[in-house]
């Protein structure tokens, strides 16, 4: 059997792999077929019927997203029959959907709205008989509005198939069908890890991040507040998409300039405390290895992963590094070290985190971390603030982050935003410490890429250290089970809650599902961070002069008593379902 087939789409001959669907073949030929429920390799069920096409010889219209190609197939994508079927389908969907588009968070960035406009639908003749349903705002991170849900199933499949959790599912039948957590509970009462993958994959605004923009504006307007912004490395890799830049374009300088124009007193790069994290985490690892501590040690930078471990693998909590995430570390240092050096009252310092992750909102609200960060906004929220302030982002001249005290960073820190990046950064430092000299080890290709689980061994100072990297909690589950079953013997493990790491976090710009067909968003955005690492004058965290000064003048040494007090935390087992009394 040939690996290639030739079919005709709209009178154009197309030769594609035999494994393609009609949708993929059309995409390869530059022919657009609209979709709604479709997510490549995740939700390929043909449920919404928006991608219908005519296939010669078929009795009915077929869903192109699940229809395999075959040699000699003849397809038409926009006949009158097809157009009328799509219009009817979308009109029915609109009839049960809140149509408050002007005030909706997804206005002008909604796949359903775009689809209706493309199909020329200005009104629907179907009557909306749905009762208004309660909005679930119980989570610190995610708001669920069932009145906007179109039952596409994308959130269900992402949570179940990519994250391996499955807290959302279809409930009831027919006209009464909804998507919601088990037992009718709110998101805070089920094992939701707030990763936001449901949010970033929802085509409408049935799931969205909790909006904290008003809190940020209020702090900026408050003359008593000294407002410090920090931005995570992955934000610079995606923010430009909100302003028309190509995916994977780093906009670091424009981002810093824009935030200064919003009214921030200081704008720092979270990369500074990513470097600090490597110092604390690296020495913690060495201490565990040298003193028969709990191994393998597992990174704790990803709050989604930490929550997952607390829910599903509490017996492995001792394996987690006790380090706070870089976000929380910067907040803690801003209100201690920075406040001391600047002669400021910590109570007047207000820390705003700009993160690619909605789980960071919940992390900042953890009882043991409440004093560090005051508010978290996502990449999308920052973009909305910039637009509402009338700042012409694409016309800004690049500016630097503030350089004092918490300002210098390294290339090792910037790759924290990519799966494998934390591990790679840690190895650069730990290897130098063990060998007692500056090694040429900088890039570890075995730790790069988007394979679900990556393994590597590093020989340093006469010893071999086994490493592993996983991203997405379904892959984390596989790795945890291998450890529990003693199938693998590792020293150090990095886990990120989102597939691809922070560059693909739940707070990053929306990418329509059709645009993801044939494009790996994770790899495209990762290029921006690898490029910035390669061009950095310093590429190892322990070489950061301001980090050295922090330890010399304030903390003493990595893992000191003060470092533990400010930069480390603890974890606890979580109840999977809060059913009340």
Protein backbone atom coordinates (compact mmCIF):
# COMPACT_ATOMS: atom_id res chain seq x y z
CA UNK A 1 0.00 0.00 0.00
CA UNK A 2 1.34 3.41 -1.00
CA UNK A 3 2.26 5.89 1.72
CA UNK A 4 0.74 8.66 -0.39
CA UNK A 5 -2.71 9.12 -1.92
CA UNK A 6 -4.03 11.60 -4.45
CA UNK A 7 -7.49 13.09 -4.08
CA UNK A 8 -9.33 16.02 -5.58
CA UNK A 9 -10.56 18.87 -3.40
CA UNK A 10 -12.58 21.56 -5.16
CA UNK A 11 -11.21 20.43 -8.53
CA UNK A 12 -7.63 20.65 -7.26
CA UNK A 13 -5.52 17.48 -7.11
CA UNK A 14 -3.82 17.02 -3.75
CA UNK A 15 -1.23 14.37 -2.83
CA UNK A 16 -0.92 13.74 0.89
CA UNK A 17 0.09 10.97 3.31
CA UNK A 18 -2.40 8.09 3.42
CA UNK A 19 -2.83 8.70 7.17
CA UNK A 20 -4.35 12.16 6.63
CA UNK A 21 -7.95 13.10 7.15
CA UNK A 22 -9.81 15.24 4.63
CA UNK A 23 -9.37 18.21 6.98
CA UNK A 24 -5.60 17.75 7.04
CA UNK A 25 -5.47 17.29 3.27
CA UNK A 26 -7.42 20.50 2.75
CA UNK A 27 -5.11 22.35 5.13
CA UNK A 28 -2.08 21.07 3.20
CA UNK A 29 -3.65 22.42 0.00
CA UNK A 30 -4.37 25.80 1.53
CA UNK A 31 -8.13 25.19 1.61
CA UNK A 32 -9.93 26.30 4.74
CA UNK A 33 -12.58 24.08 6.31
CA UNK A 34 -14.08 25.55 9.49
CA UNK A 35 -13.98 23.56 12.73
CA UNK A 36 -15.28 24.00 16.26
CA UNK A 37 -15.00 20.84 18.37
CA UNK A 38 -11.80 19.66 16.68
CA UNK A 39 -8.45 19.55 18.51
CA UNK A 40 -5.69 17.67 16.73
CA UNK A 41 -4.86 14.36 18.49
CA UNK A 42 -7.04 15.38 21.46
CA UNK A 43 -10.68 15.83 20.46
CA UNK A 44 -11.27 14.28 17.05
CA UNK A 45 -14.88 13.19 17.36
CA UNK A 46 -16.77 14.94 14.56
CA UNK A 47 -19.43 16.01 17.03
CA UNK A 48 -20.15 19.61 16.11
CA UNK A 49 -20.69 18.91 12.38
CA UNK A 50 -19.24 22.28 11.41
CA UNK A 51 -16.50 20.74 9.25
CA UNK A 52 -18.95 18.88 6.99
CA UNK A 53 -17.98 18.38 3.33
CA UNK A 54 -19.42 16.59 0.30
CA UNK A 55 -17.64 13.42 -0.77
CA UNK A 56 -18.57 11.94 -4.12
CA UNK A 57 -20.39 8.63 -3.58
CA UNK A 58 -21.26 9.27 0.07
CA UNK A 59 -24.97 9.30 0.94
CA UNK A 60 -24.61 12.15 3.43
CA UNK A 61 -22.26 14.96 4.21
CA UNK A 62 -19.23 13.75 6.17
CA UNK A 63 -17.20 15.29 9.00
CA UNK A 64 -13.84 16.10 7.44
CA UNK A 65 -11.96 15.98 10.75
CA UNK A 66 -12.51 12.22 11.09
CA UNK A 67 -12.90 11.18 7.43
CA UNK A 68 -9.78 9.37 6.17
CA UNK A 69 -8.55 10.17 2.68
CA UNK A 70 -8.29 7.54 -0.04
CA UNK A 71 -6.93 7.47 -3.53
CA UNK A 72 -9.26 8.99 -6.10
CA UNK A 73 -11.53 10.63 -3.49
CA UNK A 74 -13.39 13.72 -4.72
CA UNK A 75 -14.30 16.34 -2.14
CA UNK A 76 -16.15 19.63 -2.29
CA UNK A 77 -15.93 21.95 0.69
CA UNK A 78 -18.31 24.83 -0.01
CA UNK A 79 -21.29 23.74 -2.11
CA UNK A 80 -24.67 25.21 -1.31
CA UNK A 81 -25.61 22.04 0.55
CA UNK A 82 -22.48 22.30 2.70
CA UNK A 83 -22.90 26.01 3.37
CA UNK A 84 -26.54 25.60 4.41
CA UNK A 85 -25.70 22.70 6.70
CA UNK A 86 -22.97 24.71 8.43
CA UNK A 87 -25.20 27.75 8.81
CA UNK A 88 -27.97 25.65 10.31
CA UNK A 89 -25.57 23.96 12.74
CA UNK A 90 -23.99 27.21 13.91
CA UNK A 91 -27.41 28.89 14.22
CA UNK A 92 -28.53 26.07 16.52
CA UNK A 93 -25.39 26.47 18.63
CA UNK A 94 -25.97 30.22 18.88
CA UNK A 95 -29.56 29.65 20.03
CA UNK A 96 -28.32 28.16 23.31
CA UNK A 97 -25.37 30.49 23.75
CA UNK A 98 -25.28 33.80 25.61
CA UNK A 99 -24.86 36.42 22.91
CA UNK A 100 -23.46 39.24 25.03
CA UNK A 101 -20.50 39.50 22.68
CA UNK A 102 -19.61 43.16 23.34
CA UNK A 103 -18.98 42.55 27.03
CA UNK A 104 -17.49 39.07 26.62
CA UNK A 105 -13.84 38.42 27.42
CA UNK A 106 -13.46 36.63 24.09
CA UNK A 107 -15.02 39.38 21.95
CA UNK A 108 -13.13 39.52 18.62
CA UNK A 109 -11.13 36.50 19.73
CA UNK A 110 -13.89 33.89 19.81
CA UNK A 111 -13.95 30.93 17.46
CA UNK A 112 -17.76 30.80 17.46
CA UNK A 113 -18.06 34.54 16.76
CA UNK A 114 -15.55 34.28 13.92
CA UNK A 115 -17.30 31.28 12.47
CA UNK A 116 -20.72 33.00 12.56
CA UNK A 117 -19.25 36.06 10.83
CA UNK A 118 -17.55 33.94 8.16
CA UNK A 119 -20.83 32.16 7.48
CA UNK A 120 -22.71 35.45 7.26
CA UNK A 121 -24.94 34.72 10.24
CA UNK A 122 -26.31 38.01 11.61
CA UNK A 123 -29.33 36.61 13.44
CA UNK A 124 -30.81 33.23 14.27
CA UNK A 125 -34.42 32.15 13.88
CA UNK A 126 -34.12 29.60 16.68
CA UNK A 127 -35.54 30.62 20.04
CA UNK A 128 -33.31 30.40 23.10
CA UNK A 129 -35.27 28.43 25.66
CA UNK A 130 -32.42 27.88 28.09
CA UNK A 131 -32.71 28.96 31.70
CA UNK A 132 -29.89 31.05 33.09
CA UNK A 133 -27.38 28.82 34.90
CA UNK A 134 -25.23 29.77 37.88
CA UNK A 135 -21.66 30.82 37.11
CA UNK A 136 -18.98 28.89 39.02
CA UNK A 137 -16.51 31.44 40.41
CA UNK A 138 -15.31 29.28 43.32
CA UNK A 139 -11.75 28.90 42.01
CA UNK A 140 -9.04 31.53 42.48
CA UNK A 141 -7.89 30.85 38.92
CA UNK A 142 -10.69 29.75 36.60
CA UNK A 143 -14.24 30.99 36.07
CA UNK A 144 -16.74 28.55 34.51
CA UNK A 145 -19.80 30.02 32.77
CA UNK A 146 -22.16 27.23 31.61
CA UNK A 147 -24.31 29.79 29.78
CA UNK A 148 -21.57 30.17 27.19
CA UNK A 149 -20.76 26.47 26.87
CA UNK A 150 -21.37 25.05 23.38
CA UNK A 151 -20.79 21.39 24.38
CA UNK A 152 -17.84 20.99 22.01
CA UNK A 153 -16.10 18.71 24.51
CA UNK A 154 -12.67 20.25 24.05
CA UNK A 155 -12.22 20.99 27.76
CA UNK A 156 -13.37 17.48 28.65
CA UNK A 157 -10.86 15.86 26.31
CA UNK A 158 -7.94 18.11 27.27
CA UNK A 159 -8.47 17.52 30.98
CA UNK A 160 -8.92 13.77 30.50
CA UNK A 161 -6.58 12.92 27.62
CA UNK A 162 -3.75 15.46 27.98
CA UNK A 163 -3.72 16.11 31.71
CA UNK A 164 -4.98 12.68 32.77
CA UNK A 165 -7.30 14.14 35.43
CA UNK A 166 -10.83 14.31 34.03
CA UNK A 167 -12.62 16.66 36.42
CA UNK A 168 -15.05 17.79 33.67
CA UNK A 169 -17.56 15.68 31.80
CA UNK A 170 -20.93 15.73 30.08
CA UNK A 171 -23.88 15.56 32.48
CA UNK A 172 -27.55 14.80 31.65
CA UNK A 173 -28.95 14.19 28.17
CA UNK A 174 -30.46 16.01 25.25
CA UNK A 175 -31.43 19.64 25.78
CA UNK A 176 -30.38 19.40 29.44
CA UNK A 177 -26.78 18.36 28.70
CA UNK A 178 -24.10 20.41 30.43
CA UNK A 179 -20.36 20.13 31.05
CA UNK A 180 -19.43 20.36 34.72
CA UNK A 181 -17.43 18.75 37.53
CA UNK A 182 -18.65 15.65 39.36
CA UNK A 183 -21.54 15.89 41.81
CA UNK A 184 -22.33 19.42 40.61
CA UNK A 185 -19.43 20.75 42.68
CA UNK A 186 -17.47 23.93 42.05
CA UNK A 187 -13.95 23.83 40.64
CA UNK A 188 -12.45 24.50 44.08
CA UNK A 189 -14.15 21.38 45.50
CA UNK A 190 -12.76 18.89 42.96
CA UNK A 191 -9.15 17.96 42.15
CA UNK A 192 -8.73 20.80 39.64
CA UNK A 193 -5.05 21.81 39.51
CA UNK A 194 -5.86 25.17 37.87
CA UNK A 195 -3.51 24.46 34.97
CA UNK A 196 -5.86 26.35 32.66
CA UNK A 197 -5.50 23.97 29.74
CA UNK A 198 -9.30 23.87 29.59
CA UNK A 199 -9.30 27.68 29.39
CA UNK A 200 -6.76 28.01 26.61
CA UNK A 201 -8.52 25.33 24.56
CA UNK A 202 -12.12 26.52 25.05
CA UNK A 203 -13.29 28.10 21.75
CA UNK A 204 -15.57 30.56 23.56
CA UNK A 205 -15.61 32.05 27.06
CA UNK A 206 -17.28 29.21 28.92
CA UNK A 207 -13.96 28.85 30.74
CA UNK A 208 -11.69 31.82 31.36
CA UNK A 209 -9.17 33.11 33.86
CA UNK A 210 -10.32 35.09 36.88
CA UNK A 211 -9.77 38.72 35.91
CA UNK A 212 -7.59 40.69 38.35
CA UNK A 213 -6.92 43.73 36.20
CA UNK A 214 -8.95 46.15 38.33
CA UNK A 215 -6.84 45.26 41.37
CA UNK A 216 -3.67 46.13 39.47
CA UNK A 217 -5.04 49.47 38.27
CA UNK A 218 -6.13 50.31 41.82
CA UNK A 219 -2.62 49.64 43.14
CA UNK A 220 -1.02 51.77 40.42
CA UNK A 221 -3.39 54.65 41.28
CA UNK A 222 -2.64 54.34 45.01
CA UNK A 223 0.13 56.86 45.79
CA UNK A 224 1.03 54.94 48.96
CA UNK A 225 1.88 51.81 47.00
CA UNK A 226 5.29 51.04 45.54
CA UNK A 227 4.21 48.78 42.66
CA UNK A 228 6.68 46.19 41.42
CA UNK A 229 5.86 44.15 38.30
CA UNK A 230 7.63 40.89 37.58
CA UNK A 231 7.27 38.98 34.31
CA UNK A 232 7.92 35.27 33.80
CA UNK A 233 10.22 34.19 30.95
CA UNK A 234 7.44 32.57 28.88
CA UNK A 235 5.42 35.80 28.72
CA UNK A 236 7.94 37.46 26.37
CA UNK A 237 7.69 34.47 24.02
CA UNK A 238 3.94 34.91 23.44
CA UNK A 239 2.81 38.44 24.33
CA UNK A 240 3.64 39.69 20.84
CA UNK A 241 0.93 37.42 19.37
CA UNK A 242 -1.67 39.70 20.97
CA UNK A 243 -0.30 42.59 18.89
CA UNK A 244 0.17 40.92 15.52
CA UNK A 245 3.72 39.59 15.91
CA UNK A 246 4.49 36.15 14.51
CA UNK A 247 4.39 33.24 16.93
CA UNK A 248 7.78 32.76 18.57
CA UNK A 249 8.80 36.43 18.35
CA UNK A 250 10.48 37.57 21.59
CA UNK A 251 9.17 40.99 22.66
CA UNK A 252 11.15 41.41 25.88
CA UNK A 253 12.13 45.05 25.38
CA UNK A 254 8.70 46.20 24.23
CA UNK A 255 7.08 44.36 27.14
CA UNK A 256 9.29 46.14 29.68
CA UNK A 257 8.63 49.49 28.01
CA UNK A 258 4.86 48.93 27.99
CA UNK A 259 4.70 48.00 31.67
CA UNK A 260 6.66 51.11 32.61
CA UNK A 261 4.10 53.17 30.70
CA UNK A 262 1.30 51.52 32.63
CA UNK A 263 2.70 53.20 35.74
CA UNK A 264 4.82 50.56 37.48
CA UNK A 265 7.44 51.85 39.91
CA UNK A 266 9.76 48.96 39.06
CA UNK A 267 9.74 46.28 36.37
CA UNK A 268 11.81 43.20 37.13
CA UNK A 269 12.38 39.95 35.32
CA UNK A 270 11.33 36.84 37.25
CA UNK A 271 14.48 35.35 35.72
CA UNK A 272 16.39 36.87 38.64
CA UNK A 273 14.68 34.55 41.10
CA UNK A 274 14.84 31.71 38.60
CA UNK A 275 18.59 32.06 39.07
CA UNK A 276 18.07 32.13 42.84
CA UNK A 277 15.90 29.01 42.52
CA UNK A 278 18.77 27.18 40.84
CA UNK A 279 21.05 28.12 43.73
CA UNK A 280 18.57 26.96 46.38
CA UNK A 281 17.36 23.90 44.50
CA UNK A 282 20.83 22.91 43.32
CA UNK A 283 22.31 22.99 46.81
CA UNK A 284 19.24 21.22 48.19
CA UNK A 285 19.85 18.43 45.68
CA UNK A 286 23.52 18.19 46.60
CA UNK A 287 22.60 18.05 50.28
CA UNK A 288 20.14 15.22 49.65
CA UNK A 289 22.70 13.27 47.62
CA UNK A 290 25.50 13.73 50.16
CA UNK A 291 23.39 13.11 53.28
CA UNK A 292 21.10 10.25 52.24
CA UNK A 293 18.14 12.56 51.73
CA UNK A 294 14.91 11.68 49.93
CA UNK A 295 15.55 10.95 46.25
CA UNK A 296 14.67 11.51 43.52
CA UNK A 297 14.21 15.19 44.22
CA UNK A 298 11.44 16.73 42.10
CA UNK A 299 11.19 20.37 41.06
CA UNK A 300 8.45 22.53 42.58
CA UNK A 301 8.34 25.52 40.19
CA UNK A 302 5.03 24.52 38.55
CA UNK A 303 2.03 25.14 40.86
CA UNK A 304 -0.21 22.96 38.69
CA UNK A 305 2.17 20.03 39.16
CA UNK A 306 2.46 20.72 42.91
CA UNK A 307 -1.33 20.63 43.25
CA UNK A 308 -1.47 17.43 41.20
CA UNK A 309 1.05 15.80 43.51
CA UNK A 310 -0.89 16.95 46.59
CA UNK A 311 -4.10 15.43 45.21
CA UNK A 312 -2.87 12.23 43.59
CA UNK A 313 0.59 11.37 44.94
CA UNK A 314 0.76 12.73 48.51
CA UNK A 315 3.15 9.93 49.45
CA UNK A 316 5.71 11.58 47.12
CA UNK A 317 5.44 15.06 48.64
CA UNK A 318 8.75 14.54 50.54
CA UNK A 319 10.40 14.19 47.12
CA UNK A 320 9.40 17.71 46.10
CA UNK A 321 11.99 20.42 46.48
CA UNK A 322 11.02 22.71 49.32
CA UNK A 323 11.86 25.74 47.16
CA UNK A 324 9.15 28.25 46.44
CA UNK A 325 8.57 29.03 42.78
CA UNK A 326 10.52 31.96 41.25
CA UNK A 327 7.32 34.04 41.36
CA UNK A 328 6.98 33.65 45.11
CA UNK A 329 10.71 34.08 45.71
CA UNK A 330 10.74 37.46 44.00
CA UNK A 331 7.75 38.58 46.05
CA UNK A 332 9.46 37.46 49.26
CA UNK A 333 12.74 39.19 48.38
CA UNK A 334 10.96 42.37 47.26
CA UNK A 335 9.35 42.68 50.70
CA UNK A 336 12.54 41.86 52.63
CA UNK A 337 15.88 42.40 50.89
CA UNK A 338 14.65 45.07 48.43
CA UNK A 339 12.60 46.87 51.09
CA UNK A 340 15.61 46.94 53.42
CA UNK A 341 18.01 48.24 50.77
CA UNK A 342 15.55 50.88 49.55
CA UNK A 343 14.35 51.95 52.98
CA UNK A 344 10.73 51.07 52.18
CA UNK A 345 7.98 49.71 54.42
CA UNK A 346 7.23 46.18 53.13
CA UNK A 347 3.54 46.85 53.76
CA UNK A 348 3.60 49.49 51.02
CA UNK A 349 5.25 47.24 48.44
CA UNK A 350 2.73 45.75 46.04
CA UNK A 351 3.97 42.90 43.83
CA UNK A 352 2.22 42.18 40.53
CA UNK A 353 3.17 38.95 38.78
CA UNK A 354 2.64 38.61 35.03
CA UNK A 355 2.50 34.90 34.38
CA UNK A 356 1.75 32.54 31.46
CA UNK A 357 -0.14 30.39 33.93
CA UNK A 358 -3.53 30.70 35.64
CA UNK A 359 -2.40 28.30 38.40
CA UNK A 360 -0.12 31.07 39.63
CA UNK A 361 -3.25 32.91 40.79
CA UNK A 362 -4.11 30.01 43.11
CA UNK A 363 -0.49 29.59 44.17
CA UNK A 364 -0.35 33.20 45.39
CA UNK A 365 -3.45 32.54 47.52
CA UNK A 366 -1.98 29.54 49.33
CA UNK A 367 -2.04 30.24 53.07
CA UNK A 368 1.69 29.63 53.47
CA UNK A 369 2.53 31.98 50.56
CA UNK A 370 0.06 34.83 51.09
CA UNK A 371 2.67 37.41 52.09
CA UNK A 372 4.75 37.15 48.90
CA UNK A 373 2.74 38.20 45.82
CA UNK A 374 -0.26 40.52 45.94
CA UNK A 375 -1.87 39.76 42.59
CA UNK A 376 -1.27 37.65 39.50
CA UNK A 377 -2.34 38.49 35.95
CA UNK A 378 -1.88 36.38 32.84
CA UNK A 379 -0.21 37.25 29.55
CA UNK A 380 -3.70 37.87 28.14
CA UNK A 381 -4.61 40.23 30.99
CA UNK A 382 -1.40 42.21 30.50
CA UNK A 383 -2.25 42.57 26.81
CA UNK A 384 -5.71 43.87 27.71
CA UNK A 385 -4.18 46.42 30.08
CA UNK A 386 -1.77 47.63 27.41
CA UNK A 387 -4.59 48.00 24.89
CA UNK A 388 -6.90 49.79 27.31
CA UNK A 389 -4.10 52.25 28.13
CA UNK A 390 -3.83 53.17 24.45
CA UNK A 391 -0.21 52.05 24.22
CA UNK A 392 0.87 51.29 20.65
CA UNK A 393 2.84 48.18 21.54
CA UNK A 394 4.30 47.50 18.11
CA UNK A 395 5.69 51.06 17.90
CA UNK A 396 7.48 51.01 21.26
CA UNK A 397 11.25 51.27 21.42
CA UNK A 398 12.81 48.42 23.37
CA UNK A 399 13.69 49.21 26.96
CA UNK A 400 15.48 47.20 29.65
CA UNK A 401 14.11 45.86 32.89
CA UNK A 402 15.14 47.83 35.96
CA UNK A 403 18.71 46.81 36.74
CA UNK A 404 19.10 47.46 40.48
CA UNK A 405 19.21 44.75 43.17
CA UNK A 406 16.87 42.23 41.49
CA UNK A 407 17.66 43.07 37.88
CA UNK A 408 20.47 40.94 36.48
CA UNK A 409 19.63 37.57 34.94
CA UNK A 410 21.23 34.75 32.98
CA UNK A 411 20.36 32.60 30.00
CA UNK A 412 19.84 29.66 32.34
CA UNK A 413 16.90 31.47 33.92
CA UNK A 414 15.12 32.32 30.67
CA UNK A 415 14.77 28.66 29.65
CA UNK A 416 12.71 27.99 32.79
CA UNK A 417 9.72 28.64 30.52
CA UNK A 418 10.34 25.51 28.43
CA UNK A 419 9.98 21.86 29.34
CA UNK A 420 13.44 20.64 30.34
CA UNK A 421 14.68 24.17 30.97
CA UNK A 422 14.77 24.03 34.76
CA UNK A 423 16.69 20.78 34.63
CA UNK A 424 19.14 22.13 32.05
CA UNK A 425 19.72 25.28 34.11
CA UNK A 426 20.25 23.22 37.27
CA UNK A 427 22.78 20.91 35.62
CA UNK A 428 24.83 23.88 34.40
CA UNK A 429 25.30 25.03 38.00
CA UNK A 430 25.43 21.72 39.89
CA UNK A 431 28.01 20.31 37.48
CA UNK A 432 30.27 23.33 38.03
CA UNK A 433 29.90 23.08 41.81
CA UNK A 434 30.72 19.36 41.87
CA UNK A 435 33.71 19.74 39.55
CA UNK A 436 34.89 22.92 41.26
CA UNK A 437 35.44 24.71 37.97
CA UNK A 438 33.70 26.39 35.05
CA UNK A 439 32.74 23.62 32.63
CA UNK A 440 31.82 23.97 28.98
CA UNK A 441 28.55 22.11 29.63
CA UNK A 442 25.82 24.50 28.52
CA UNK A 443 23.30 22.83 26.24
CA UNK A 444 21.76 19.43 26.96
CA UNK A 445 19.88 18.40 23.85
CA UNK A 446 18.63 15.19 25.49
CA UNK A 447 16.51 17.37 27.79
CA UNK A 448 15.00 19.39 24.94
CA UNK A 449 12.03 18.77 22.68
CA UNK A 450 8.40 17.86 23.29
CA UNK A 451 8.61 14.13 23.98
CA UNK A 452 6.33 13.48 26.96
CA UNK A 453 9.11 11.96 29.08
CA UNK A 454 12.81 12.61 28.49
CA UNK A 455 15.71 10.91 30.25
CA UNK A 456 19.41 11.66 30.47
CA UNK A 457 22.46 10.72 32.51
CA UNK A 458 25.25 13.13 33.34
CA UNK A 459 28.70 12.09 34.51
CA UNK A 460 30.18 14.66 36.87
CA UNK A 461 33.09 14.38 39.31
CA UNK A 462 33.32 10.64 38.77
CA UNK A 463 29.65 9.94 39.47
CA UNK A 464 26.66 9.33 37.21
CA UNK A 465 23.43 11.21 37.89
CA UNK A 466 20.18 10.07 36.32
CA UNK A 467 17.72 12.77 35.26
CA UNK A 468 14.16 12.80 33.94
CA UNK A 469 11.80 15.45 32.57
CA UNK A 470 8.02 15.22 32.13
CA UNK A 471 5.46 17.78 31.01
CA UNK A 472 1.68 17.57 31.24
CA UNK A 473 0.30 15.74 34.24
CA UNK A 474 -0.67 12.63 32.26
CA UNK A 475 3.05 12.16 31.57
CA UNK A 476 3.83 13.03 35.19
CA UNK A 477 1.53 10.19 36.23
CA UNK A 478 3.45 7.71 34.08
CA UNK A 479 6.72 8.86 35.59
CA UNK A 480 5.43 8.74 39.17
CA UNK A 481 4.19 5.19 38.67
CA UNK A 482 7.56 4.11 37.29
CA UNK A 483 9.20 5.52 40.42
CA UNK A 484 6.71 3.86 42.76
CA UNK A 485 7.14 0.53 40.95
CA UNK A 486 10.93 0.96 41.20
CA UNK A 487 11.24 0.63 37.43
CA UNK A 488 13.52 3.66 37.30
CA UNK A 489 16.21 5.10 39.52
CA UNK A 490 16.59 8.87 39.21
CA UNK A 491 18.36 11.53 41.22
CA UNK A 492 16.53 14.60 39.92
CA UNK A 493 13.23 15.09 38.07
CA UNK A 494 11.66 18.15 36.48
CA UNK A 495 7.88 18.22 36.00
CA UNK A 496 5.78 20.95 34.42
CA UNK A 497 2.01 20.89 34.71
CA UNK A 498 1.38 22.03 31.12
CA UNK A 499 2.41 20.28 27.94
CA UNK A 500 5.50 22.01 26.62
CA UNK A 501 6.03 23.89 29.86
CA UNK A 502 5.12 27.50 30.60
CA UNK A 503 5.25 28.61 26.95
CA UNK A 504 2.00 26.66 26.56
CA UNK A 505 0.50 27.76 29.87
CA UNK A 506 -3.18 28.35 30.44
CA UNK A 507 -2.68 32.12 30.57
CA UNK A 508 -1.02 32.46 27.18
CA UNK A 509 -2.67 33.97 24.07
CA UNK A 510 -5.43 31.93 22.48
CA UNK A 511 -4.57 30.08 19.29
CA UNK A 512 -7.60 28.89 17.25
CA UNK A 513 -7.69 25.12 16.90
CA UNK A 514 -7.40 25.28 13.11
CA UNK A 515 -4.19 27.32 13.42
CA UNK A 516 -2.70 24.55 15.59
CA UNK A 517 -3.16 22.04 12.77
CA UNK A 518 0.35 21.49 11.45
CA UNK A 519 1.94 23.95 13.91
CA UNK A 520 3.47 23.01 17.27
CA UNK A 521 2.77 26.07 19.40
CA UNK A 522 5.10 24.76 22.13
CA UNK A 523 8.12 24.51 19.84
CA UNK A 524 7.45 27.81 18.10
CA UNK A 525 7.34 29.76 21.35
CA UNK A 526 10.29 27.84 22.80
CA UNK A 527 12.53 29.16 20.02
CA UNK A 528 12.22 32.68 21.46
CA UNK A 529 13.60 31.55 24.82
CA UNK A 530 16.40 29.39 23.44
CA UNK A 531 17.47 32.33 21.27
CA UNK A 532 17.57 34.65 24.27
CA UNK A 533 19.58 32.09 26.25
CA UNK A 534 22.12 31.69 23.45
CA UNK A 535 22.69 35.44 23.21
CA UNK A 536 22.95 36.04 26.98
CA UNK A 537 26.38 37.21 28.24
CA UNK A 538 26.00 34.92 31.27
CA UNK A 539 24.38 31.48 30.93
CA UNK A 540 24.84 29.96 34.40
CA UNK A 541 22.81 31.01 37.42
CA UNK A 542 25.69 30.96 39.91
CA UNK A 543 27.56 33.50 37.75
CA UNK A 544 24.86 36.16 38.21
CA UNK A 545 26.66 38.99 40.10
CA UNK A 546 23.50 40.29 41.76
CA UNK A 547 22.66 36.79 42.98
CA UNK A 548 26.16 36.59 44.48
CA UNK A 549 25.61 39.98 46.14
CA UNK A 550 22.23 38.82 47.50
CA UNK A 551 23.94 35.94 49.28
CA UNK A 552 26.96 37.97 50.39
CA UNK A 553 24.93 40.88 51.78
CA UNK A 554 21.71 39.25 52.94
CA UNK A 555 21.07 35.51 52.74
CA UNK A 556 24.52 34.29 53.70
CA UNK A 557 24.62 31.12 51.60
CA UNK A 558 22.24 28.83 49.70
CA UNK A 559 19.91 26.91 52.05
CA UNK A 560 20.84 29.15 55.02
CA UNK A 561 18.35 29.65 57.83
CA UNK A 562 17.20 32.98 56.37
CA UNK A 563 17.01 31.48 52.88
CA UNK A 564 14.76 28.73 54.21
CA UNK A 565 12.60 31.24 56.03
CA UNK A 566 12.07 33.39 52.94
CA UNK A 567 12.50 31.10 49.94
CA UNK A 568 11.23 27.67 50.98
CA UNK A 569 7.80 26.30 51.80
CA UNK A 570 5.89 23.09 52.54
CA UNK A 571 3.10 21.03 50.96
CA UNK A 572 0.12 19.07 52.20
CA UNK A 573 -2.22 16.35 51.04
CA UNK A 574 -5.46 17.63 49.50
CA UNK A 575 -8.92 16.16 49.67
CA UNK A 576 -10.04 15.17 46.17
CA UNK A 577 -13.71 15.97 46.65
CA UNK A 578 -15.18 18.40 49.15
CA UNK A 579 -18.70 17.04 49.59
CA UNK A 580 -19.43 19.03 52.74
CA UNK A 581 -21.02 17.41 55.77
